[in-house]
Amino acid sequence: MKRMMFVLVGLMVAVGFSAAACAWLPGYPSAKIRYKMTVEVDTPEGIKAGFAVREISMVSRPMLLGVSNDTHVKLEKGEAVVVDLGQRGVLFATLGSATDSVWTLLNAFPSPCAEGAVSRCSVKYYSSLKVGEKAQLPARYYPMFVAFEDLNDPKSAKNVLEMKSCPDPATGIPNNSRCVEKDRFEEIFGQGVRLRSVTVEVTDADVETVVQRILPWLPDYYDKRLDGQRFGSSDAEYKFANRLSSGAFSSGVKK
């Protein structure tokens, strides 16, 4: 009898938890969202463009036993944008960190939610964006733009658009924004070459893999910097290459 009572109580508790979980789900939404980032470059030969599709996940979980898992955002898959400038070279608009790639979407489409861009409210907002909705990415949120003097030499990486901290244009708060410190597009790619625009568009297109065909050495650098060092160092001989690894160009790269 006691054993039967124990089983019944266990079933009631299980059903109670299941019902509670089901009740919580509408208030704790999750989503996977794909966006296409397009980079356009003005050249004497005309406008050159490239794009990459990336997928991010946004997950919110209910409170369980008084512990909140909050809302989490993550880059699931994606690559750097590749712009082929012909004989002038190849431009890469990098992923940056996985967090940077997530915030590309969040910054292009600012959330109206008082709780912020990473919140249960914002999961619903970003889930509501329609395929084809497009926005310009403000310069303060630009990714790192990279070129290689020699595509076969990772150490030859160059910073095409150097950024610096500057006052927020809306609030005037010092060092709360980013602006262009040095534009090296013409220096690296030739006279008349300039960045035209960076746009972000909600899409349902597939995520494609193209970067590794251009940079076949990427798998050798998934656990180290492009200068061959394991860690970042201010004393590195190839300082800019020391700031980059394969993750800046493609997610999920392994040996």
Protein backbone atom coordinates (compact mmCIF):
# COMPACT_ATOMS: atom_id res chain seq x y z
CA MET A 1 0.00 0.00 0.00
CA LYS A 2 2.77 2.40 0.95
CA ARG A 3 4.58 1.56 -2.25
CA MET A 4 1.45 2.30 -4.30
CA MET A 5 0.99 5.61 -2.50
CA PHE A 6 4.61 6.49 -3.23
CA VAL A 7 4.13 5.72 -6.94
CA LEU A 8 0.94 7.79 -7.07
CA VAL A 9 2.61 10.76 -5.40
CA GLY A 10 5.53 10.46 -7.82
CA LEU A 11 3.17 10.45 -10.79
CA MET A 12 1.31 13.47 -9.45
CA VAL A 13 4.57 15.38 -9.00
CA ALA A 14 5.71 14.45 -12.50
CA VAL A 15 2.41 15.51 -14.02
CA GLY A 16 2.56 18.73 -12.02
CA PHE A 17 6.03 19.56 -13.32
CA SER A 18 4.98 18.71 -16.88
CA ALA A 19 1.91 20.91 -16.67
CA ALA A 20 3.92 23.74 -15.18
CA ALA A 21 6.54 23.41 -17.90
CA CYS A 22 3.85 23.52 -20.58
CA ALA A 23 2.32 26.57 -18.93
CA TRP A 24 5.70 28.30 -18.88
CA LEU A 25 6.59 27.67 -22.53
CA PRO A 26 4.64 30.59 -24.08
CA GLY A 27 6.45 32.97 -21.73
CA TYR A 28 9.87 31.50 -22.49
CA PRO A 29 10.17 31.45 -26.29
CA SER A 30 13.06 30.20 -28.38
CA ALA A 31 13.96 30.78 -32.01
CA LYS A 32 16.49 30.20 -34.76
CA ILE A 33 16.94 33.15 -37.08
CA ARG A 34 18.98 33.49 -40.25
CA TYR A 35 20.30 36.75 -41.59
CA LYS A 36 22.24 37.69 -44.69
CA MET A 37 24.98 40.27 -44.40
CA THR A 38 25.89 41.95 -47.68
CA VAL A 39 28.98 44.11 -48.22
CA GLU A 40 29.19 46.42 -51.24
CA VAL A 41 32.43 48.04 -52.39
CA ASP A 42 32.84 50.83 -54.96
CA THR A 43 35.65 50.23 -57.45
CA PRO A 44 36.67 51.85 -60.77
CA GLU A 45 35.29 48.67 -62.39
CA GLY A 46 31.89 49.10 -60.73
CA ILE A 47 30.21 47.94 -57.55
CA LYS A 48 31.48 44.63 -56.18
CA ALA A 49 29.46 42.76 -53.58
CA GLY A 50 29.52 39.63 -51.48
CA PHE A 51 27.25 38.13 -48.84
CA ALA A 52 27.10 35.43 -46.21
CA VAL A 53 24.16 33.80 -44.45
CA ARG A 54 24.43 33.14 -40.73
CA GLU A 55 22.16 31.37 -38.28
CA ILE A 56 21.76 32.35 -34.65
CA SER A 57 19.72 30.79 -31.87
CA MET A 58 17.89 32.60 -29.08
CA VAL A 59 16.80 30.45 -26.16
CA SER A 60 14.96 31.38 -22.97
CA ARG A 61 14.21 28.88 -20.23
CA PRO A 62 11.71 28.87 -17.36
CA MET A 63 12.76 29.24 -13.75
CA LEU A 64 13.13 25.85 -12.10
CA LEU A 65 13.57 25.41 -8.35
CA GLY A 66 14.30 29.11 -8.03
CA VAL A 67 17.17 29.16 -10.53
CA SER A 68 16.84 31.22 -13.72
CA ASN A 69 18.77 30.32 -16.86
CA ASP A 70 17.86 33.68 -18.40
CA THR A 71 18.05 34.16 -22.18
CA HIS A 72 20.96 32.92 -24.27
CA VAL A 73 22.00 33.86 -27.80
CA LYS A 74 24.48 31.91 -29.90
CA LEU A 75 25.94 31.76 -33.39
CA GLU A 76 25.01 28.32 -34.73
CA LYS A 77 26.80 28.54 -38.07
CA GLY A 78 28.05 31.06 -40.59
CA GLU A 79 31.08 32.55 -42.30
CA ALA A 80 32.83 35.79 -43.14
CA VAL A 81 31.53 37.76 -46.10
CA VAL A 82 33.82 37.39 -49.13
CA VAL A 83 34.02 40.18 -51.70
CA ASP A 84 36.07 39.22 -54.75
CA LEU A 85 37.69 42.36 -56.18
CA GLY A 86 39.35 40.50 -59.04
CA GLN A 87 42.98 41.37 -59.61
CA ARG A 88 42.78 43.82 -56.73
CA GLY A 89 42.40 41.02 -54.20
CA VAL A 90 39.80 39.60 -51.85
CA LEU A 91 38.08 41.39 -48.97
CA PHE A 92 36.78 39.51 -45.93
CA ALA A 93 34.22 40.98 -43.54
CA THR A 94 34.94 38.72 -40.58
CA LEU A 95 32.66 37.03 -38.11
CA GLY A 96 34.67 38.50 -35.25
CA SER A 97 33.74 36.54 -32.15
CA ALA A 98 30.61 34.43 -32.02
CA THR A 99 29.08 37.17 -29.88
CA ASP A 100 29.92 39.80 -32.52
CA SER A 101 28.07 37.78 -35.16
CA VAL A 102 24.96 37.59 -32.99
CA TRP A 103 25.04 41.30 -32.31
CA THR A 104 25.27 42.10 -36.02
CA LEU A 105 21.59 41.20 -36.26
CA LEU A 106 20.65 42.75 -32.93
CA ASN A 107 22.38 46.04 -33.78
CA ALA A 108 20.93 46.23 -37.29
CA PHE A 109 17.42 45.77 -35.87
CA PRO A 110 17.38 47.44 -32.43
CA SER A 111 14.96 45.76 -30.06
CA PRO A 112 12.05 47.86 -28.76
CA CYS A 113 11.95 45.80 -25.57
CA ALA A 114 12.63 47.59 -22.32
CA GLU A 115 14.38 44.45 -21.07
CA GLY A 116 17.04 44.80 -23.77
CA ALA A 117 18.06 42.90 -26.92
CA VAL A 118 18.86 39.69 -25.01
CA SER A 119 15.57 38.96 -23.31
CA ARG A 120 12.44 36.87 -23.63
CA CYS A 121 10.62 39.87 -25.04
CA SER A 122 13.31 40.29 -27.72
CA VAL A 123 13.16 36.63 -28.73
CA LYS A 124 9.53 37.26 -29.68
CA TYR A 125 10.48 40.49 -31.47
CA TYR A 126 13.26 38.97 -33.57
CA SER A 127 11.06 35.94 -34.32
CA SER A 128 8.45 38.33 -35.72
CA LEU A 129 10.81 39.88 -38.30
CA LYS A 130 9.72 38.93 -41.80
CA VAL A 131 11.95 37.40 -44.46
CA GLY A 132 13.20 40.23 -46.64
CA GLU A 133 13.28 42.89 -43.91
CA LYS A 134 16.51 44.82 -44.40
CA ALA A 135 18.54 47.44 -42.52
CA GLN A 136 21.82 49.28 -42.92
CA LEU A 137 24.43 48.35 -40.32
CA PRO A 138 25.72 51.56 -38.70
CA ALA A 139 29.48 52.13 -38.99
CA ARG A 140 29.93 51.85 -35.23
CA TYR A 141 28.98 48.17 -35.52
CA TYR A 142 31.09 47.30 -38.55
CA PRO A 143 32.90 43.96 -38.47
CA MET A 144 36.66 43.72 -38.88
CA PHE A 145 37.61 43.94 -42.57
CA VAL A 146 40.62 41.82 -43.54
CA ALA A 147 42.75 41.38 -46.66
CA PHE A 148 45.79 39.17 -47.27
CA GLU A 149 48.83 40.32 -49.16
CA ASP A 150 49.19 36.64 -50.08
CA LEU A 151 46.12 34.39 -49.69
CA ASN A 152 48.45 31.47 -49.03
CA ASP A 153 50.18 33.24 -46.14
CA PRO A 154 48.05 33.71 -43.00
CA LYS A 155 50.67 36.02 -41.49
CA SER A 156 50.12 38.52 -44.34
CA ALA A 157 46.71 39.56 -42.95
CA LYS A 158 46.02 43.31 -43.03
CA ASN A 159 43.46 45.46 -41.24
CA VAL A 160 41.54 47.29 -43.98
CA LEU A 161 39.40 49.55 -41.80
CA GLU A 162 40.95 50.49 -38.48
CA MET A 163 38.45 51.51 -35.80
CA LYS A 164 38.83 53.40 -32.54
CA SER A 165 36.77 54.24 -29.50
CA CYS A 166 34.97 57.57 -29.70
CA PRO A 167 32.10 59.44 -28.00
CA ASP A 168 28.59 58.09 -28.44
CA PRO A 169 26.95 60.31 -31.10
CA ALA A 170 23.58 60.13 -29.33
CA THR A 171 24.64 60.68 -25.72
CA GLY A 172 28.13 62.16 -25.96
CA ILE A 173 29.43 59.57 -23.48
CA PRO A 174 33.21 59.18 -24.07
CA ASN A 175 34.54 55.89 -25.46
CA ASN A 176 31.02 54.48 -25.74
CA SER A 177 31.05 54.05 -29.51
CA ARG A 178 33.36 53.19 -32.41
CA CYS A 179 34.33 55.19 -35.45
CA VAL A 180 36.79 54.87 -38.32
CA GLU A 181 40.36 55.78 -37.39
CA LYS A 182 42.05 54.85 -40.67
CA ASP A 183 40.45 53.78 -43.94
CA ARG A 184 43.00 51.69 -45.90
CA PHE A 185 40.76 50.53 -48.77
CA GLU A 186 42.62 52.58 -51.39
CA GLU A 187 46.01 51.83 -49.87
CA ILE A 188 45.41 48.08 -50.08
CA PHE A 189 43.14 47.67 -53.11
CA GLY A 190 44.00 50.71 -55.22
CA GLN A 191 42.71 54.20 -56.03
CA GLY A 192 38.96 54.58 -56.19
CA VAL A 193 38.15 51.56 -54.00
CA ARG A 194 35.86 52.41 -51.11
CA LEU A 195 33.41 50.67 -48.81
CA ARG A 196 29.91 51.47 -50.04
CA SER A 197 27.54 49.79 -47.56
CA VAL A 198 26.92 46.94 -45.13
CA THR A 199 23.35 45.66 -44.97
CA VAL A 200 21.64 43.00 -42.89
CA GLU A 201 18.57 41.14 -44.16
CA VAL A 202 16.35 38.52 -42.55
CA THR A 203 16.40 35.42 -44.75
CA ASP A 204 15.47 31.78 -45.00
CA ALA A 205 18.33 30.97 -47.38
CA ASP A 206 20.73 28.15 -46.64
CA VAL A 207 24.04 28.75 -44.88
CA GLU A 208 26.80 28.01 -47.40
CA THR A 209 30.47 27.16 -46.90
CA VAL A 210 32.83 28.98 -49.26
CA VAL A 211 35.63 30.55 -47.21
CA GLN A 212 37.64 27.36 -46.74
CA ARG A 213 37.89 26.95 -50.51
CA ILE A 214 39.63 30.32 -50.64
CA LEU A 215 41.65 29.84 -47.44
CA PRO A 216 42.36 26.06 -47.40
CA TRP A 217 44.77 26.46 -44.49
CA LEU A 218 42.02 27.54 -42.05
CA PRO A 219 41.73 24.16 -40.23
CA ASP A 220 45.37 24.49 -39.15
CA TYR A 221 44.49 27.62 -37.16
CA TYR A 222 41.31 26.72 -35.28
CA ASP A 223 43.25 26.51 -31.99
CA LYS A 224 45.89 29.19 -32.60
CA ARG A 225 46.37 32.62 -34.10
CA LEU A 226 47.19 33.26 -37.75
CA ASP A 227 50.80 34.05 -36.86
CA GLY A 228 51.13 30.52 -35.45
CA GLN A 229 51.07 31.57 -31.79
CA ARG A 230 48.73 29.86 -29.36
CA PHE A 231 47.81 33.06 -27.55
CA GLY A 232 47.55 36.78 -28.24
CA SER A 233 50.61 38.84 -27.44
CA SER A 234 51.45 42.54 -27.64
CA ASP A 235 55.01 41.49 -28.51
CA ALA A 236 53.95 39.37 -31.50
CA GLU A 237 55.96 39.97 -34.68
CA TYR A 238 52.84 39.86 -36.85
CA LYS A 239 50.59 41.87 -34.57
CA PHE A 240 47.44 41.93 -36.67
CA ALA A 241 47.67 38.23 -37.62
CA ASN A 242 48.11 37.52 -33.91
CA ARG A 243 44.61 38.95 -33.33
CA LEU A 244 42.93 36.47 -35.70
CA SER A 245 42.18 32.75 -35.76
CA SER A 246 40.08 30.56 -38.04
CA GLY A 247 36.98 31.42 -36.01
CA ALA A 248 37.04 34.94 -37.46
CA PHE A 249 36.35 33.46 -40.90
CA SER A 250 34.17 30.40 -40.38
CA SER A 251 32.38 28.80 -37.45
CA GLY A 252 32.99 25.19 -36.54
CA VAL A 253 36.36 24.86 -38.28
CA LYS A 254 38.40 21.94 -36.93
CA LYS A 255 41.43 19.97 -37.95
